[in-house]
């Protein structure tokens, strides 16, 4: 996410967010709206920066 050091995995179909690790059907995960609200940001894709898997930048 822009303005933080967070690296997220987000499902583009359902907006599920996994903060650490690979996606799975098990918790911990949250919905993008809830995650962005916790940083007082609107749940907009413009607050995110796309990175390819394995990329650090």
PDB file of N, CA and C in Angstrom:
ATOM      1  N   UNK A   1       0.852  -1.172   0.000  1.00  0.00           N
ATOM      2  CA  UNK A   1       0.000   0.000   0.000  1.00  0.00           C
ATOM      3  C   UNK A   1       0.893   1.229   0.000  1.00  0.00           C
ATOM      4  N   UNK A   2       0.511   2.196  -0.801  1.00  0.00           N
ATOM      5  CA  UNK A   2       1.255   3.455  -0.865  1.00  0.00           C
ATOM      6  C   UNK A   2       1.219   4.106   0.522  1.00  0.00           C
ATOM      7  N   UNK A   3       2.322   4.716   0.927  1.00  0.00           N
ATOM      8  CA  UNK A   3       2.479   5.411   2.212  1.00  0.00           C
ATOM      9  C   UNK A   3       2.705   4.476   3.399  1.00  0.00           C
ATOM     10  N   UNK A   4       2.830   3.191   3.173  1.00  0.00           N
ATOM     11  CA  UNK A   4       3.163   2.257   4.257  1.00  0.00           C
ATOM     12  C   UNK A   4       4.153   1.243   3.712  1.00  0.00           C
ATOM     13  N   UNK A   5       4.685   0.432   4.577  1.00  0.00           N
ATOM     14  CA  UNK A   5       5.567  -0.649   4.154  1.00  0.00           C
ATOM     15  C   UNK A   5       4.800  -1.950   3.979  1.00  0.00           C
ATOM     16  N   UNK A   6       3.484  -1.901   4.026  1.00  0.00           N
ATOM     17  CA  UNK A   6       2.664  -3.101   3.938  1.00  0.00           C
ATOM     18  C   UNK A   6       2.731  -3.707   2.543  1.00  0.00           C
ATOM     19  N   UNK A   7       2.900  -5.018   2.510  1.00  0.00           N
ATOM     20  CA  UNK A   7       2.806  -5.751   1.257  1.00  0.00           C
ATOM     21  C   UNK A   7       1.624  -6.689   1.413  1.00  0.00           C
ATOM     22  N   UNK A   8       0.667  -6.540   0.524  1.00  0.00           N
ATOM     23  CA  UNK A   8      -0.598  -7.261   0.617  1.00  0.00           C
ATOM     24  C   UNK A   8      -0.788  -8.164  -0.582  1.00  0.00           C
ATOM     25  N   UNK A   9      -1.586  -9.185  -0.385  1.00  0.00           N
ATOM     26  CA  UNK A   9      -2.106  -9.963  -1.494  1.00  0.00           C
ATOM     27  C   UNK A   9      -3.597  -9.691  -1.505  1.00  0.00           C
ATOM     28  N   UNK A  10      -4.127  -9.260  -2.647  1.00  0.00           N
ATOM     29  CA  UNK A  10      -5.541  -8.882  -2.739  1.00  0.00           C
ATOM     30  C   UNK A  10      -6.187  -9.637  -3.885  1.00  0.00           C
ATOM     31  N   UNK A  11      -7.338 -10.229  -3.597  1.00  0.00           N
ATOM     32  CA  UNK A  11      -8.121 -10.878  -4.637  1.00  0.00           C
ATOM     33  C   UNK A  11      -8.867  -9.789  -5.401  1.00  0.00           C
ATOM     34  N   UNK A  12      -8.607  -9.685  -6.693  1.00  0.00           N
ATOM     35  CA  UNK A  12      -9.243  -8.637  -7.497  1.00  0.00           C
ATOM     36  C   UNK A  12     -10.727  -8.905  -7.717  1.00  0.00           C
ATOM     37  N   UNK A  13     -11.176 -10.131  -7.489  1.00  0.00           N
ATOM     38  CA  UNK A  13     -12.590 -10.462  -7.680  1.00  0.00           C
ATOM     39  C   UNK A  13     -13.434 -10.160  -6.453  1.00  0.00           C
ATOM     40  N   UNK A  14     -12.914 -10.468  -5.251  1.00  0.00           N
ATOM     41  CA  UNK A  14     -13.739 -10.297  -4.049  1.00  0.00           C
ATOM     42  C   UNK A  14     -13.172  -9.303  -3.051  1.00  0.00           C
ATOM     43  N   UNK A  15     -11.990  -8.703  -3.348  1.00  0.00           N
ATOM     44  CA  UNK A  15     -11.347  -7.701  -2.488  1.00  0.00           C
ATOM     45  C   UNK A  15     -10.934  -8.239  -1.122  1.00  0.00           C
ATOM     46  N   UNK A  16     -10.682  -9.542  -1.021  1.00  0.00           N
ATOM     47  CA  UNK A  16     -10.136 -10.102   0.210  1.00  0.00           C
ATOM     48  C   UNK A  16      -8.660  -9.749   0.282  1.00  0.00           C
ATOM     49  N   UNK A  17      -8.198  -9.376   1.478  1.00  0.00           N
ATOM     50  CA  UNK A  17      -6.810  -8.976   1.693  1.00  0.00           C
ATOM     51  C   UNK A  17      -6.133  -9.986   2.606  1.00  0.00           C
ATOM     52  N   UNK A  18      -4.943 -10.420   2.208  1.00  0.00           N
ATOM     53  CA  UNK A  18      -4.081 -11.228   3.068  1.00  0.00           C
ATOM     54  C   UNK A  18      -2.847 -10.379   3.323  1.00  0.00           C
ATOM     55  N   UNK A  19      -2.603 -10.045   4.584  1.00  0.00           N
ATOM     56  CA  UNK A  19      -1.526  -9.130   4.917  1.00  0.00           C
ATOM     57  C   UNK A  19      -0.170  -9.811   4.799  1.00  0.00           C
ATOM     58  N   UNK A  20      -0.054 -11.024   5.255  1.00  0.00           N
ATOM     59  CA  UNK A  20       1.206 -11.747   5.175  1.00  0.00           C
ATOM     60  C   UNK A  20       0.968 -13.106   4.548  1.00  0.00           C
ATOM     61  N   UNK A  21       1.856 -13.489   3.671  1.00  0.00           N
ATOM     62  CA  UNK A  21       1.786 -14.828   3.119  1.00  0.00           C
ATOM     63  C   UNK A  21       0.902 -14.955   1.899  1.00  0.00           C
ATOM     64  N   UNK A  22       0.716 -16.189   1.502  1.00  0.00           N
ATOM     65  CA  UNK A  22      -0.047 -16.511   0.315  1.00  0.00           C
ATOM     66  C   UNK A  22      -1.542 -16.595   0.619  1.00  0.00           C
ATOM     67  N   UNK A  23      -2.367 -16.355  -0.366  1.00  0.00           N
ATOM     68  CA  UNK A  23      -3.813 -16.468  -0.163  1.00  0.00           C
ATOM     69  C   UNK A  23      -4.223 -17.873   0.253  1.00  0.00           C
ATOM     70  N   UNK A  24      -5.209 -17.924   1.100  1.00  0.00           N
ATOM     71  CA  UNK A  24      -5.803 -19.193   1.500  1.00  0.00           C
ATOM     72  C   UNK A  24      -7.253 -18.927   1.860  1.00  0.00           C
ATOM     73  N   UNK A  25      -8.021 -19.965   1.991  1.00  0.00           N
ATOM     74  CA  UNK A  25      -9.421 -19.820   2.365  1.00  0.00           C
ATOM     75  C   UNK A  25      -9.622 -19.717   3.862  1.00  0.00           C
ATOM     76  N   UNK A  26      -8.524 -19.642   4.601  1.00  0.00           N
ATOM     77  CA  UNK A  26      -8.589 -19.609   6.059  1.00  0.00           C
ATOM     78  C   UNK A  26      -8.127 -18.253   6.582  1.00  0.00           C
ATOM     79  N   UNK A  27      -8.663 -17.843   7.734  1.00  0.00           N
ATOM     80  CA  UNK A  27      -8.192 -16.605   8.350  1.00  0.00           C
ATOM     81  C   UNK A  27      -6.700 -16.716   8.655  1.00  0.00           C
ATOM     82  N   UNK A  28      -5.918 -15.655   8.783  1.00  0.00           N
ATOM     83  CA  UNK A  28      -6.399 -14.270   8.874  1.00  0.00           C
ATOM     84  C   UNK A  28      -6.524 -13.603   7.515  1.00  0.00           C
ATOM     85  N   UNK A  29      -7.652 -13.041   7.260  1.00  0.00           N
ATOM     86  CA  UNK A  29      -7.853 -12.202   6.091  1.00  0.00           C
ATOM     87  C   UNK A  29      -8.958 -11.217   6.404  1.00  0.00           C
ATOM     88  N   UNK A  30      -8.981 -10.113   5.684  1.00  0.00           N
ATOM     89  CA  UNK A  30     -10.017  -9.094   5.846  1.00  0.00           C
ATOM     90  C   UNK A  30     -10.430  -8.621   4.461  1.00  0.00           C
ATOM     91  N   UNK A  31     -11.507  -7.889   4.407  1.00  0.00           N
ATOM     92  CA  UNK A  31     -11.976  -7.282   3.169  1.00  0.00           C
ATOM     93  C   UNK A  31     -11.248  -5.947   2.989  1.00  0.00           C
ATOM     94  N   UNK A  32     -10.939  -5.595   1.753  1.00  0.00           N
ATOM     95  CA  UNK A  32     -10.182  -4.380   1.459  1.00  0.00           C
ATOM     96  C   UNK A  32     -10.777  -3.151   2.138  1.00  0.00           C
ATOM     97  N   UNK A  33     -12.095  -3.006   2.115  1.00  0.00           N
ATOM     98  CA  UNK A  33     -12.738  -1.846   2.765  1.00  0.00           C
ATOM     99  C   UNK A  33     -12.323  -1.735   4.227  1.00  0.00           C
ATOM    100  N   UNK A  34     -12.399  -2.839   4.948  1.00  0.00           N
ATOM    101  CA  UNK A  34     -12.058  -2.844   6.377  1.00  0.00           C
ATOM    102  C   UNK A  34     -10.579  -2.543   6.592  1.00  0.00           C
ATOM    103  N   UNK A  35      -9.739  -3.137   5.761  1.00  0.00           N
ATOM    104  CA  UNK A  35      -8.300  -2.921   5.899  1.00  0.00           C
ATOM    105  C   UNK A  35      -7.946  -1.457   5.678  1.00  0.00           C
ATOM    106  N   UNK A  36      -8.465  -0.864   4.610  1.00  0.00           N
ATOM    107  CA  UNK A  36      -8.154   0.528   4.313  1.00  0.00           C
ATOM    108  C   UNK A  36      -8.708   1.473   5.381  1.00  0.00           C
ATOM    109  N   UNK A  37      -9.883   1.168   5.899  1.00  0.00           N
ATOM    110  CA  UNK A  37     -10.460   1.993   6.966  1.00  0.00           C
ATOM    111  C   UNK A  37      -9.566   2.002   8.195  1.00  0.00           C
ATOM    112  N   UNK A  38      -8.867   0.908   8.459  1.00  0.00           N
ATOM    113  CA  UNK A  38      -7.988   0.853   9.633  1.00  0.00           C
ATOM    114  C   UNK A  38      -6.814   1.827   9.491  1.00  0.00           C
ATOM    115  N   UNK A  39      -6.527   2.292   8.273  1.00  0.00           N
ATOM    116  CA  UNK A  39      -5.498   3.300   8.015  1.00  0.00           C
ATOM    117  C   UNK A  39      -6.116   4.652   7.682  1.00  0.00           C
ATOM    118  N   UNK A  40      -7.433   4.767   7.912  1.00  0.00           N
ATOM    119  CA  UNK A  40      -8.182   5.988   7.639  1.00  0.00           C
ATOM    120  C   UNK A  40      -8.060   6.404   6.179  1.00  0.00           C
ATOM    121  N   UNK A  41      -8.114   5.421   5.282  1.00  0.00           N
ATOM    122  CA  UNK A  41      -8.082   5.661   3.840  1.00  0.00           C
ATOM    123  C   UNK A  41      -9.335   5.087   3.212  1.00  0.00           C
ATOM    124  N   UNK A  42      -9.777   5.731   2.148  1.00  0.00           N
ATOM    125  CA  UNK A  42     -10.900   5.192   1.377  1.00  0.00           C
ATOM    126  C   UNK A  42     -10.441   3.911   0.682  1.00  0.00           C
ATOM    127  N   UNK A  43     -11.338   2.944   0.512  1.00  0.00           N
ATOM    128  CA  UNK A  43     -10.964   1.678  -0.116  1.00  0.00           C
ATOM    129  C   UNK A  43     -10.852   1.799  -1.637  1.00  0.00           C
ATOM    130  N   UNK A  44      -9.857   2.544  -2.077  1.00  0.00           N
ATOM    131  CA  UNK A  44      -9.664   2.796  -3.497  1.00  0.00           C
ATOM    132  C   UNK A  44      -8.380   2.115  -3.977  1.00  0.00           C
ATOM    133  N   UNK A  45      -8.433   1.560  -5.187  1.00  0.00           N
ATOM    134  CA  UNK A  45      -7.255   0.923  -5.766  1.00  0.00           C
ATOM    135  C   UNK A  45      -6.140   1.938  -5.965  1.00  0.00           C
ATOM    136  N   UNK A  46      -6.460   3.224  -6.050  1.00  0.00           N
ATOM    137  CA  UNK A  46      -5.435   4.251  -6.251  1.00  0.00           C
ATOM    138  C   UNK A  46      -4.513   4.399  -5.039  1.00  0.00           C
ATOM    139  N   UNK A  47      -4.909   3.851  -3.895  1.00  0.00           N
ATOM    140  CA  UNK A  47      -4.048   3.868  -2.709  1.00  0.00           C
ATOM    141  C   UNK A  47      -3.076   2.693  -2.705  1.00  0.00           C
ATOM    142  N   UNK A  48      -3.149   1.864  -3.731  1.00  0.00           N
ATOM    143  CA  UNK A  48      -2.315   0.669  -3.796  1.00  0.00           C
ATOM    144  C   UNK A  48      -1.349   0.769  -4.963  1.00  0.00           C
ATOM    145  N   UNK A  49      -0.236   0.110  -4.834  1.00  0.00           N
ATOM    146  CA  UNK A  49       0.752   0.041  -5.902  1.00  0.00           C
ATOM    147  C   UNK A  49       0.958  -1.418  -6.245  1.00  0.00           C
ATOM    148  N   UNK A  50       0.745  -1.762  -7.481  1.00  0.00           N
ATOM    149  CA  UNK A  50       0.863  -3.151  -7.925  1.00  0.00           C
ATOM    150  C   UNK A  50       2.333  -3.560  -8.004  1.00  0.00           C
ATOM    151  N   UNK A  51       2.624  -4.724  -7.451  1.00  0.00           N
ATOM    152  CA  UNK A  51       3.951  -5.314  -7.541  1.00  0.00           C
ATOM    153  C   UNK A  51       3.819  -6.749  -7.989  1.00  0.00           C
ATOM    154  N   UNK A  52       4.763  -7.186  -8.773  1.00  0.00           N
ATOM    155  CA  UNK A  52       4.771  -8.587  -9.183  1.00  0.00           C
ATOM    156  C   UNK A  52       5.239  -9.437  -8.009  1.00  0.00           C
ATOM    157  N   UNK A  53       4.773 -10.665  -7.970  1.00  0.00           N
ATOM    158  CA  UNK A  53       5.196 -11.576  -6.900  1.00  0.00           C
ATOM    159  C   UNK A  53       6.705 -11.684  -6.873  1.00  0.00           C
ATOM    160  N   UNK A  54       7.249 -11.653  -5.667  1.00  0.00           N
ATOM    161  CA  UNK A  54       8.680 -11.773  -5.503  1.00  0.00           C
ATOM    162  C   UNK A  54       9.422 -10.453  -5.613  1.00  0.00           C
ATOM    163  N   UNK A  55       8.738  -9.393  -6.022  1.00  0.00           N
ATOM    164  CA  UNK A  55       9.366  -8.085  -6.159  1.00  0.00           C
ATOM    165  C   UNK A  55       9.403  -7.387  -4.809  1.00  0.00           C
ATOM    166  N   UNK A  56      10.482  -6.708  -4.511  1.00  0.00           N
ATOM    167  CA  UNK A  56      10.615  -5.963  -3.257  1.00  0.00           C
ATOM    168  C   UNK A  56      10.355  -4.484  -3.453  1.00  0.00           C
ATOM    169  N   UNK A  57      10.270  -3.983  -4.690  1.00  0.00           N
ATOM    170  CA  UNK A  57      10.068  -2.550  -4.941  1.00  0.00           C
ATOM    171  C   UNK A  57       8.735  -2.311  -5.540  1.00  0.00           C
TER     172      UNK A  57
END
